C-alpha atoms as a PDB file:
ATOM      1  CA  UNK A   1     -21.617  30.285   7.190  1.00  0.00           C
ATOM      2  CA  UNK A   2     -18.768  28.460   5.457  1.00  0.00           C
ATOM      3  CA  UNK A   3     -16.290  30.345   7.649  1.00  0.00           C
ATOM      4  CA  UNK A   4     -18.208  29.423  10.791  1.00  0.00           C
ATOM      5  CA  UNK A   5     -18.370  25.785   9.732  1.00  0.00           C
ATOM      6  CA  UNK A   6     -14.627  25.730   9.184  1.00  0.00           C
ATOM      7  CA  UNK A   7     -13.996  27.150  12.653  1.00  0.00           C
ATOM      8  CA  UNK A   8     -16.323  24.612  14.259  1.00  0.00           C
ATOM      9  CA  UNK A   9     -14.642  21.783  12.402  1.00  0.00           C
ATOM     10  CA  UNK A  10     -11.297  22.770  13.880  1.00  0.00           C
ATOM     11  CA  UNK A  11     -12.599  23.226  17.420  1.00  0.00           C
ATOM     12  CA  UNK A  12     -13.027  20.310  19.821  1.00  0.00           C
ATOM     13  CA  UNK A  13     -16.029  20.935  22.049  1.00  0.00           C
ATOM     14  CA  UNK A  14     -16.577  18.630  25.005  1.00  0.00           C
ATOM     15  CA  UNK A  15     -19.442  18.965  27.518  1.00  0.00           C
ATOM     16  CA  UNK A  16     -18.143  20.417  30.782  1.00  0.00           C
ATOM     17  CA  UNK A  17     -14.665  21.183  29.437  1.00  0.00           C
ATOM     18  CA  UNK A  18     -13.522  23.312  26.527  1.00  0.00           C
ATOM     19  CA  UNK A  19     -10.099  22.699  25.054  1.00  0.00           C
ATOM     20  CA  UNK A  20      -8.233  23.687  21.908  1.00  0.00           C
ATOM     21  CA  UNK A  21      -5.100  21.568  21.658  1.00  0.00           C
ATOM     22  CA  UNK A  22      -2.194  21.158  19.272  1.00  0.00           C
ATOM     23  CA  UNK A  23      -1.867  17.760  17.638  1.00  0.00           C
ATOM     24  CA  UNK A  24       1.874  18.182  17.157  1.00  0.00           C
ATOM     25  CA  UNK A  25       3.020  18.341  20.776  1.00  0.00           C
ATOM     26  CA  UNK A  26       1.554  17.351  24.113  1.00  0.00           C
ATOM     27  CA  UNK A  27       3.142  20.400  25.733  1.00  0.00           C
ATOM     28  CA  UNK A  28       1.923  22.826  23.064  1.00  0.00           C
ATOM     29  CA  UNK A  29      -1.682  22.956  24.215  1.00  0.00           C
ATOM     30  CA  UNK A  30      -4.186  25.752  23.858  1.00  0.00           C
ATOM     31  CA  UNK A  31      -6.541  27.380  26.344  1.00  0.00           C
ATOM     32  CA  UNK A  32      -8.454  25.109  28.698  1.00  0.00           C
ATOM     33  CA  UNK A  33     -11.427  25.654  30.997  1.00  0.00           C
ATOM     34  CA  UNK A  34     -13.209  23.203  33.282  1.00  0.00           C
ATOM     35  CA  UNK A  35     -16.161  23.878  35.561  1.00  0.00           C
ATOM     36  CA  UNK A  36     -15.912  20.413  37.178  1.00  0.00           C
ATOM     37  CA  UNK A  37     -19.480  19.360  36.439  1.00  0.00           C
ATOM     38  CA  UNK A  38     -18.226  15.828  35.744  1.00  0.00           C
ATOM     39  CA  UNK A  39     -15.129  13.673  35.323  1.00  0.00           C
ATOM     40  CA  UNK A  40     -13.742  14.229  31.844  1.00  0.00           C
ATOM     41  CA  UNK A  41     -11.467  11.252  31.227  1.00  0.00           C
ATOM     42  CA  UNK A  42     -10.301  12.705  27.905  1.00  0.00           C
ATOM     43  CA  UNK A  43      -8.443  15.405  29.821  1.00  0.00           C
ATOM     44  CA  UNK A  44      -7.976  14.275  33.443  1.00  0.00           C
ATOM     45  CA  UNK A  45      -6.866  11.152  35.295  1.00  0.00           C
ATOM     46  CA  UNK A  46      -7.765  10.013  38.823  1.00  0.00           C
ATOM     47  CA  UNK A  47      -4.612   8.743  40.522  1.00  0.00           C
ATOM     48  CA  UNK A  48      -5.292   5.366  42.104  1.00  0.00           C
ATOM     49  CA  UNK A  49      -3.736   2.461  43.947  1.00  0.00           C
ATOM     50  CA  UNK A  50      -0.344   3.663  45.150  1.00  0.00           C
ATOM     51  CA  UNK A  51       1.348   5.988  47.605  1.00  0.00           C
ATOM     52  CA  UNK A  52       4.034   8.587  46.918  1.00  0.00           C
ATOM     53  CA  UNK A  53       5.716   7.445  50.136  1.00  0.00           C
ATOM     54  CA  UNK A  54       8.111   9.702  52.037  1.00  0.00           C
ATOM     55  CA  UNK A  55       6.040  12.454  53.663  1.00  0.00           C
ATOM     56  CA  UNK A  56       2.753  11.236  52.111  1.00  0.00           C
ATOM     57  CA  UNK A  57       0.896   9.080  54.648  1.00  0.00           C
ATOM     58  CA  UNK A  58      -1.880   7.929  52.328  1.00  0.00           C
ATOM     59  CA  UNK A  59      -2.709   5.831  49.289  1.00  0.00           C
ATOM     60  CA  UNK A  60      -4.313   7.597  46.328  1.00  0.00           C
ATOM     61  CA  UNK A  61      -7.873   6.391  45.741  1.00  0.00           C
ATOM     62  CA  UNK A  62      -9.970   7.261  42.704  1.00  0.00           C
ATOM     63  CA  UNK A  63     -13.078   6.759  44.855  1.00  0.00           C
ATOM     64  CA  UNK A  64     -12.086   9.881  46.782  1.00  0.00           C
ATOM     65  CA  UNK A  65     -12.707  12.117  43.765  1.00  0.00           C
ATOM     66  CA  UNK A  66     -16.392  12.932  43.322  1.00  0.00           C
ATOM     67  CA  UNK A  67     -18.524  15.555  41.591  1.00  0.00           C
ATOM     68  CA  UNK A  68     -21.471  17.270  43.265  1.00  0.00           C
ATOM     69  CA  UNK A  69     -24.801  18.154  41.686  1.00  0.00           C
ATOM     70  CA  UNK A  70     -23.992  21.855  41.995  1.00  0.00           C
ATOM     71  CA  UNK A  71     -20.817  21.595  39.896  1.00  0.00           C
ATOM     72  CA  UNK A  72     -17.950  21.077  42.302  1.00  0.00           C
ATOM     73  CA  UNK A  73     -15.186  18.508  42.373  1.00  0.00           C
ATOM     74  CA  UNK A  74     -14.579  17.153  45.875  1.00  0.00           C
ATOM     75  CA  UNK A  75     -11.267  15.613  46.926  1.00  0.00           C
ATOM     76  CA  UNK A  76     -11.571  13.569  50.122  1.00  0.00           C
ATOM     77  CA  UNK A  77      -9.240  12.156  52.747  1.00  0.00           C
ATOM     78  CA  UNK A  78     -10.681   8.991  54.296  1.00  0.00           C
ATOM     79  CA  UNK A  79      -9.643   6.054  56.469  1.00  0.00           C
ATOM     80  CA  UNK A  80     -10.487   2.547  55.164  1.00  0.00           C
ATOM     81  CA  UNK A  81      -9.067   0.927  58.322  1.00  0.00           C
ATOM     82  CA  UNK A  82      -7.502   1.979  61.614  1.00  0.00           C
ATOM     83  CA  UNK A  83      -4.209   3.744  60.959  1.00  0.00           C
ATOM     84  CA  UNK A  84      -4.651   3.630  57.164  1.00  0.00           C
ATOM     85  CA  UNK A  85      -5.585   6.602  55.006  1.00  0.00           C
ATOM     86  CA  UNK A  86      -6.720   7.229  51.432  1.00  0.00           C
ATOM     87  CA  UNK A  87      -6.088  10.589  49.775  1.00  0.00           C
ATOM     88  CA  UNK A  88      -7.118  12.040  46.413  1.00  0.00           C
ATOM     89  CA  UNK A  89      -5.161  13.283  43.418  1.00  0.00           C
ATOM     90  CA  UNK A  90      -6.436  14.633  40.078  1.00  0.00           C
ATOM     91  CA  UNK A  91      -4.007  15.201  37.201  1.00  0.00           C
ATOM     92  CA  UNK A  92      -4.060  16.186  33.548  1.00  0.00           C
ATOM     93  CA  UNK A  93      -3.205  13.612  30.913  1.00  0.00           C
ATOM     94  CA  UNK A  94      -1.211  16.167  28.913  1.00  0.00           C
ATOM     95  CA  UNK A  95       1.666  18.402  29.983  1.00  0.00           C
ATOM     96  CA  UNK A  96       1.523  22.175  29.834  1.00  0.00           C
ATOM     97  CA  UNK A  97       4.164  24.883  29.805  1.00  0.00           C
ATOM     98  CA  UNK A  98       4.351  28.649  30.186  1.00  0.00           C
ATOM     99  CA  UNK A  99       1.026  30.323  30.850  1.00  0.00           C
ATOM    100  CA  UNK A 100      -1.535  31.443  33.397  1.00  0.00           C
ATOM    101  CA  UNK A 101      -2.935  28.708  35.661  1.00  0.00           C
ATOM    102  CA  UNK A 102      -6.017  29.520  37.757  1.00  0.00           C
ATOM    103  CA  UNK A 103      -8.178  27.587  40.221  1.00  0.00           C
ATOM    104  CA  UNK A 104     -11.256  28.516  42.241  1.00  0.00           C
ATOM    105  CA  UNK A 105     -11.224  26.365  45.368  1.00  0.00           C
ATOM    106  CA  UNK A 106     -11.752  25.868  49.105  1.00  0.00           C
ATOM    107  CA  UNK A 107      -9.119  23.828  51.006  1.00  0.00           C
ATOM    108  CA  UNK A 108      -9.699  21.301  53.772  1.00  0.00           C
ATOM    109  CA  UNK A 109      -9.102  22.308  57.407  1.00  0.00           C
ATOM    110  CA  UNK A 110      -7.167  20.161  59.893  1.00  0.00           C
ATOM    111  CA  UNK A 111      -3.603  20.010  61.213  1.00  0.00           C
ATOM    112  CA  UNK A 112      -1.268  17.709  59.310  1.00  0.00           C
ATOM    113  CA  UNK A 113      -2.846  17.952  55.843  1.00  0.00           C
ATOM    114  CA  UNK A 114      -2.305  19.746  52.516  1.00  0.00           C
ATOM    115  CA  UNK A 115      -4.779  20.845  49.800  1.00  0.00           C
ATOM    116  CA  UNK A 116      -3.051  21.886  46.606  1.00  0.00           C
ATOM    117  CA  UNK A 117      -3.009  23.083  43.001  1.00  0.00           C
ATOM    118  CA  UNK A 118       0.258  22.776  41.073  1.00  0.00           C
ATOM    119  CA  UNK A 119       2.192  21.726  37.991  1.00  0.00           C
ATOM    120  CA  UNK A 120       4.662  18.848  38.174  1.00  0.00           C
ATOM    121  CA  UNK A 121       7.017  16.675  36.187  1.00  0.00           C
ATOM    122  CA  UNK A 122       9.986  14.677  37.414  1.00  0.00           C
ATOM    123  CA  UNK A 123      12.086  11.512  37.340  1.00  0.00           C
ATOM    124  CA  UNK A 124       8.981   9.303  37.194  1.00  0.00           C
ATOM    125  CA  UNK A 125       8.317  11.006  33.832  1.00  0.00           C
ATOM    126  CA  UNK A 126      11.963  10.679  32.748  1.00  0.00           C
ATOM    127  CA  UNK A 127      12.404  14.443  33.168  1.00  0.00           C
ATOM    128  CA  UNK A 128      13.880  16.948  35.640  1.00  0.00           C
ATOM    129  CA  UNK A 129      11.848  17.644  38.776  1.00  0.00           C
ATOM    130  CA  UNK A 130      10.150  20.935  37.867  1.00  0.00           C
ATOM    131  CA  UNK A 131       7.160  22.042  39.945  1.00  0.00           C
ATOM    132  CA  UNK A 132       5.147  25.183  40.755  1.00  0.00           C
ATOM    133  CA  UNK A 133       2.919  25.071  43.849  1.00  0.00           C
ATOM    134  CA  UNK A 134      -0.068  26.627  45.507  1.00  0.00           C
ATOM    135  CA  UNK A 135      -0.537  24.851  48.845  1.00  0.00           C
ATOM    136  CA  UNK A 136      -2.914  25.270  51.762  1.00  0.00           C
ATOM    137  CA  UNK A 137      -1.737  23.810  55.037  1.00  0.00           C
ATOM    138  CA  UNK A 138      -4.809  22.675  56.937  1.00  0.00           C
ATOM    139  CA  UNK A 139      -3.390  23.942  60.223  1.00  0.00           C
ATOM    140  CA  UNK A 140      -4.072  27.537  59.133  1.00  0.00           C
ATOM    141  CA  UNK A 141      -6.340  28.280  56.171  1.00  0.00           C
ATOM    142  CA  UNK A 142      -5.913  32.017  56.610  1.00  0.00           C
ATOM    143  CA  UNK A 143      -2.581  31.530  54.843  1.00  0.00           C
ATOM    144  CA  UNK A 144      -1.489  30.171  51.465  1.00  0.00           C
ATOM    145  CA  UNK A 145       2.004  28.915  50.639  1.00  0.00           C
ATOM    146  CA  UNK A 146       3.737  29.276  47.258  1.00  0.00           C
ATOM    147  CA  UNK A 147       6.825  27.351  46.170  1.00  0.00           C
ATOM    148  CA  UNK A 148       8.628  26.032  43.095  1.00  0.00           C
ATOM    149  CA  UNK A 149      11.318  23.515  42.159  1.00  0.00           C
ATOM    150  CA  UNK A 150      13.775  23.624  39.261  1.00  0.00           C
ATOM    151  CA  UNK A 151      15.568  20.337  38.579  1.00  0.00           C
ATOM    152  CA  UNK A 152      14.830  19.331  42.162  1.00  0.00           C
ATOM    153  CA  UNK A 153      16.049  22.558  43.761  1.00  0.00           C
ATOM    154  CA  UNK A 154      13.331  24.160  45.887  1.00  0.00           C
ATOM    155  CA  UNK A 155      13.289  26.088  49.151  1.00  0.00           C
ATOM    156  CA  UNK A 156      11.490  29.044  47.578  1.00  0.00           C
ATOM    157  CA  UNK A 157       8.582  28.980  50.050  1.00  0.00           C
ATOM    158  CA  UNK A 158       6.559  32.145  50.403  1.00  0.00           C
ATOM    159  CA  UNK A 159       3.666  32.308  52.888  1.00  0.00           C
ATOM    160  CA  UNK A 160       0.961  34.886  52.180  1.00  0.00           C
ATOM    161  CA  UNK A 161      -1.420  36.047  54.904  1.00  0.00           C
ATOM    162  CA  UNK A 162      -5.039  36.204  53.735  1.00  0.00           C
ATOM    163  CA  UNK A 163      -7.728  38.612  54.916  1.00  0.00           C
ATOM    164  CA  UNK A 164     -10.259  35.756  54.811  1.00  0.00           C
ATOM    165  CA  UNK A 165     -10.482  32.083  55.741  1.00  0.00           C
ATOM    166  CA  UNK A 166      -9.862  30.215  52.468  1.00  0.00           C
ATOM    167  CA  UNK A 167     -11.823  27.192  53.754  1.00  0.00           C
ATOM    168  CA  UNK A 168     -14.986  29.234  54.275  1.00  0.00           C
ATOM    169  CA  UNK A 169     -15.528  30.628  50.779  1.00  0.00           C
ATOM    170  CA  UNK A 170     -14.372  30.135  47.201  1.00  0.00           C
ATOM    171  CA  UNK A 171     -11.610  32.375  45.863  1.00  0.00           C
ATOM    172  CA  UNK A 172      -9.439  32.403  42.749  1.00  0.00           C
ATOM    173  CA  UNK A 173      -5.755  31.470  43.096  1.00  0.00           C
ATOM    174  CA  UNK A 174      -3.277  31.285  40.266  1.00  0.00           C
ATOM    175  CA  UNK A 175       0.218  31.691  38.911  1.00  0.00           C
ATOM    176  CA  UNK A 176       1.559  33.090  35.670  1.00  0.00           C
ATOM    177  CA  UNK A 177       4.600  31.119  34.549  1.00  0.00           C
ATOM    178  CA  UNK A 178       6.940  32.852  32.122  1.00  0.00           C
ATOM    179  CA  UNK A 179      10.501  32.130  30.999  1.00  0.00           C
ATOM    180  CA  UNK A 180      11.990  34.626  33.421  1.00  0.00           C
ATOM    181  CA  UNK A 181       9.443  34.863  36.260  1.00  0.00           C
ATOM    182  CA  UNK A 182       6.537  33.311  38.139  1.00  0.00           C
ATOM    183  CA  UNK A 183       3.862  35.615  39.552  1.00  0.00           C
ATOM    184  CA  UNK A 184       1.217  34.280  41.930  1.00  0.00           C
ATOM    185  CA  UNK A 185      -2.257  35.814  42.151  1.00  0.00           C
ATOM    186  CA  UNK A 186      -5.176  35.857  44.594  1.00  0.00           C
ATOM    187  CA  UNK A 187      -8.515  36.908  43.105  1.00  0.00           C
ATOM    188  CA  UNK A 188      -6.645  38.358  40.123  1.00  0.00           C
ATOM    189  CA  UNK A 189      -4.299  40.477  42.258  1.00  0.00           C
ATOM    190  CA  UNK A 190      -0.530  39.796  42.048  1.00  0.00           C
ATOM    191  CA  UNK A 191       0.888  39.008  45.500  1.00  0.00           C
ATOM    192  CA  UNK A 192       4.322  37.476  44.908  1.00  0.00           C
ATOM    193  CA  UNK A 193       6.883  37.209  42.083  1.00  0.00           C
ATOM    194  CA  UNK A 194       9.950  34.970  41.790  1.00  0.00           C
ATOM    195  CA  UNK A 195      12.696  35.594  39.217  1.00  0.00           C
ATOM    196  CA  UNK A 196      15.546  33.229  40.141  1.00  0.00           C
ATOM    197  CA  UNK A 197      16.188  29.809  38.533  1.00  0.00           C
ATOM    198  CA  UNK A 198      12.715  29.538  36.977  1.00  0.00           C
ATOM    199  CA  UNK A 199      11.614  26.022  35.867  1.00  0.00           C
ATOM    200  CA  UNK A 200      11.219  25.380  32.145  1.00  0.00           C
ATOM    201  CA  UNK A 201       9.929  21.803  31.717  1.00  0.00           C
ATOM    202  CA  UNK A 202       6.212  21.407  30.902  1.00  0.00           C
ATOM    203  CA  UNK A 203       4.316  19.521  33.580  1.00  0.00           C
ATOM    204  CA  UNK A 204       0.990  17.975  34.421  1.00  0.00           C
ATOM    205  CA  UNK A 205      -1.692  20.108  36.058  1.00  0.00           C
ATOM    206  CA  UNK A 206      -2.474  18.562  39.429  1.00  0.00           C
ATOM    207  CA  UNK A 207      -4.647  18.902  42.513  1.00  0.00           C
ATOM    208  CA  UNK A 208      -4.460  16.740  45.616  1.00  0.00           C
ATOM    209  CA  UNK A 209      -5.423  16.309  49.259  1.00  0.00           C
ATOM    210  CA  UNK A 210      -3.139  14.333  51.554  1.00  0.00           C
ATOM    211  CA  UNK A 211      -1.990  13.834  55.137  1.00  0.00           C
ATOM    212  CA  UNK A 212       1.657  14.038  56.102  1.00  0.00           C
ATOM    213  CA  UNK A 213       4.042  12.021  58.222  1.00  0.00           C
ATOM    214  CA  UNK A 214       7.452  13.019  59.526  1.00  0.00           C
ATOM    215  CA  UNK A 215       6.842  16.676  58.670  1.00  0.00           C
ATOM    216  CA  UNK A 216       5.200  17.852  61.890  1.00  0.00           C
ATOM    217  CA  UNK A 217       7.359  20.994  61.986  1.00  0.00           C
ATOM    218  CA  UNK A 218       5.780  22.012  58.681  1.00  0.00           C
ATOM    219  CA  UNK A 219       2.220  20.697  58.818  1.00  0.00           C
ATOM    220  CA  UNK A 220       1.774  20.028  62.582  1.00  0.00           C
ATOM    221  CA  UNK A 221       0.900  16.463  63.655  1.00  0.00           C
ATOM    222  CA  UNK A 222      -2.025  14.801  61.892  1.00  0.00           C
ATOM    223  CA  UNK A 223      -4.638  13.594  64.395  1.00  0.00           C
ATOM    224  CA  UNK A 224      -6.247  10.971  62.149  1.00  0.00           C
ATOM    225  CA  UNK A 225      -9.494  12.871  61.628  1.00  0.00           C
ATOM    226  CA  UNK A 226     -11.558  11.767  58.608  1.00  0.00           C
ATOM    227  CA  UNK A 227     -13.351  12.410  56.380  1.00  0.00           C
ATOM    228  CA  UNK A 228     -11.902  15.711  55.241  1.00  0.00           C
ATOM    229  CA  UNK A 229     -12.757  17.480  51.983  1.00  0.00           C
ATOM    230  CA  UNK A 230     -11.285  20.076  49.608  1.00  0.00           C
ATOM    231  CA  UNK A 231     -13.565  21.682  47.008  1.00  0.00           C
ATOM    232  CA  UNK A 232     -12.665  22.762  43.476  1.00  0.00           C
ATOM    233  CA  UNK A 233     -15.125  24.861  41.493  1.00  0.00           C
ATOM    234  CA  UNK A 234     -13.457  26.162  38.305  1.00  0.00           C
ATOM    235  CA  UNK A 235     -10.140  25.807  36.482  1.00  0.00           C
ATOM    236  CA  UNK A 236      -8.525  27.819  33.679  1.00  0.00           C
ATOM    237  CA  UNK A 237      -5.285  27.617  31.729  1.00  0.00           C
ATOM    238  CA  UNK A 238      -4.178  30.268  29.218  1.00  0.00           C
ATOM    239  CA  UNK A 239      -0.882  29.656  27.377  1.00  0.00           C
ATOM    240  CA  UNK A 240       1.760  32.367  27.237  1.00  0.00           C
ATOM    241  CA  UNK A 241       2.621  32.716  23.565  1.00  0.00           C
ATOM    242  CA  UNK A 242       5.380  35.234  24.283  1.00  0.00           C
ATOM    243  CA  UNK A 243       7.431  32.630  26.169  1.00  0.00           C
ATOM    244  CA  UNK A 244       7.234  29.919  23.539  1.00  0.00           C
ATOM    245  CA  UNK A 245      10.612  28.799  22.243  1.00  0.00           C
END
């Protein structure tokens, strides 16, 4: 019993999210799980009140992140006024490094939009632009696109054809980030591996839904349709101890 009590004393247990984190470094975090039953402000932040600009044709609104009674997080794209759009972005407060990142989700469907799950850090954080992406382009949700950036250098896009419509049913998507490779997974099955110029800077875990502008060749033109919704059901992060410096 004394051993059990000692373990419990060292373990932080939060309703709806389980996390074991290191107090010495924000990037040296332990395993994390979230079933999205509620907003846990000790772990996540709702982006609000500004736009990324450039290709993003929306303002982030915290009101567009909601939680359903059956345990799903819903990111919405809405229009508060004619020609104006509000998107949704959910991000971790801490930064995470090498490990396995997994999400169970359904993207939104419509030309000109993106539903995503990714890690990111960059100049706004005073760091190199390092990013690893899982993106669904709403023009075709029978495909998923993978990409990554290392110090701002990208152009590693890989489009995977799916044997299902990702917007119709929940599936697991993920990537395992190691020092020398990134492997992407669909329902636990490896489907693509990259080995060149792999990013190394820990980043925030992020999900967003947004409409594009000036990128019609990539996303197809956005027709202004709202509301649109992307659904997130479960999230997991498992650190890769073998890649720790």
